[in-house]
Amino acid sequence: MRFLTVLEYFMLQLCFYVLVWVIHEYTAFLLLVIIPPITIAILLLSFVFQQIDPAKIPKSYYGYMLATIIAPILVAVVYFSLTGFNQEWMWE
């Protein structure tokens, strides 16, 4: 079985987040607020645990986690720069 490379995973996530932003901005914003902080916490905890007790975590794991953090933020920055930060659902 062939697994996705970090770049393929990143591109897949970009496509997913672009699709979500286009379909429903509010849901995409909630995903932006929820997923990166949780992923950052998991990444930091795994890094700390790796330093305490080496468990041979592959380097690609950290790449996948960084892709999970960067993809929604990058799509949101591009989306807000194109449409402006003043969204209708923010003022309802």
Protein backbone atom coordinates (compact mmCIF):
# COMPACT_ATOMS: atom_id res chain seq x y z
CA MET A 1 0.00 0.00 0.00
CA ARG A 2 1.36 3.40 -0.97
CA PHE A 3 1.00 6.18 1.55
CA LEU A 4 0.70 9.87 0.74
CA THR A 5 3.83 11.97 0.91
CA VAL A 6 3.78 15.07 3.06
CA LEU A 7 3.44 17.28 -0.03
CA GLU A 8 0.51 15.23 -1.37
CA TYR A 9 -1.14 15.35 2.04
CA PHE A 10 -0.62 19.13 2.18
CA MET A 11 -2.12 19.62 -1.29
CA LEU A 12 -5.09 17.41 -0.39
CA GLN A 13 -5.71 19.48 2.71
CA LEU A 14 -5.45 22.70 0.72
CA CYS A 15 -8.11 21.41 -1.68
CA PHE A 16 -10.34 20.38 1.22
CA TYR A 17 -10.08 23.73 2.99
CA VAL A 18 -10.61 25.73 -0.21
CA LEU A 19 -13.73 23.68 -0.88
CA VAL A 20 -15.02 24.24 2.66
CA TRP A 21 -14.31 28.00 2.49
CA VAL A 22 -16.17 28.27 -0.80
CA ILE A 23 -19.16 26.21 0.36
CA HIS A 24 -19.60 27.49 3.92
CA GLU A 25 -17.44 30.23 5.42
CA TYR A 26 -18.66 29.84 8.98
CA THR A 27 -17.81 26.13 9.14
CA ALA A 28 -14.41 26.83 7.60
CA PHE A 29 -13.76 29.55 10.17
CA LEU A 30 -14.67 27.15 13.00
CA LEU A 31 -12.30 24.56 11.56
CA LEU A 32 -9.61 27.25 11.39
CA VAL A 33 -10.13 28.12 15.04
CA ILE A 34 -10.29 24.50 16.27
CA ILE A 35 -7.94 22.31 14.22
CA PRO A 36 -4.60 24.21 14.27
CA PRO A 37 -4.52 24.79 18.06
CA ILE A 38 -5.35 21.16 18.78
CA THR A 39 -2.73 20.01 16.29
CA ILE A 40 -0.14 22.36 17.79
CA ALA A 41 -0.86 20.93 21.25
CA ILE A 42 -0.51 17.35 19.98
CA LEU A 43 2.69 18.25 18.13
CA LEU A 44 4.23 19.89 21.19
CA LEU A 45 3.24 17.00 23.45
CA SER A 46 4.64 14.42 21.05
CA PHE A 47 7.87 16.42 20.78
CA VAL A 48 8.20 16.63 24.56
CA PHE A 49 7.44 12.92 25.00
CA GLN A 50 9.93 12.10 22.25
CA GLN A 51 12.60 13.99 24.17
CA ILE A 52 11.75 12.23 27.43
CA ASP A 53 11.42 8.72 26.05
CA PRO A 54 12.57 8.18 22.45
CA ALA A 55 9.92 6.13 20.65
CA LYS A 56 11.34 6.24 17.11
CA ILE A 57 8.63 8.53 15.76
CA PRO A 58 9.33 8.97 12.04
CA LYS A 59 10.34 12.42 10.81
CA SER A 60 7.41 12.39 8.38
CA TYR A 61 5.02 12.51 11.36
CA TYR A 62 6.21 16.02 12.16
CA GLY A 63 5.82 16.99 8.50
CA TYR A 64 2.23 15.74 8.46
CA MET A 65 1.48 17.64 11.65
CA LEU A 66 3.00 20.85 10.27
CA ALA A 67 0.96 20.44 7.09
CA THR A 68 -2.17 20.05 9.22
CA ILE A 69 -1.32 23.31 11.00
CA ILE A 70 -0.23 25.35 7.99
CA ALA A 71 -2.90 24.35 5.42
CA PRO A 72 -6.01 25.89 7.07
CA ILE A 73 -4.12 29.02 8.08
CA LEU A 74 -2.73 29.51 4.58
CA VAL A 75 -6.11 29.02 2.92
CA ALA A 76 -7.76 31.42 5.40
CA VAL A 77 -5.14 34.11 4.82
CA VAL A 78 -5.55 33.85 1.04
CA TYR A 79 -9.36 33.74 1.30
CA PHE A 80 -9.55 36.76 3.59
CA SER A 81 -7.09 38.70 1.44
CA LEU A 82 -9.24 38.05 -1.63
CA THR A 83 -12.66 38.67 -0.08
CA GLY A 84 -11.85 41.03 2.77
CA PHE A 85 -12.12 40.21 6.44
CA ASN A 86 -15.62 41.69 6.77
CA GLN A 87 -17.80 38.59 6.30
CA GLU A 88 -21.60 38.68 6.47
CA TRP A 89 -21.90 35.86 9.03
CA MET A 90 -19.72 37.81 11.48
CA TRP A 91 -22.30 40.55 11.81
CA GLU A 92 -25.50 38.51 11.99
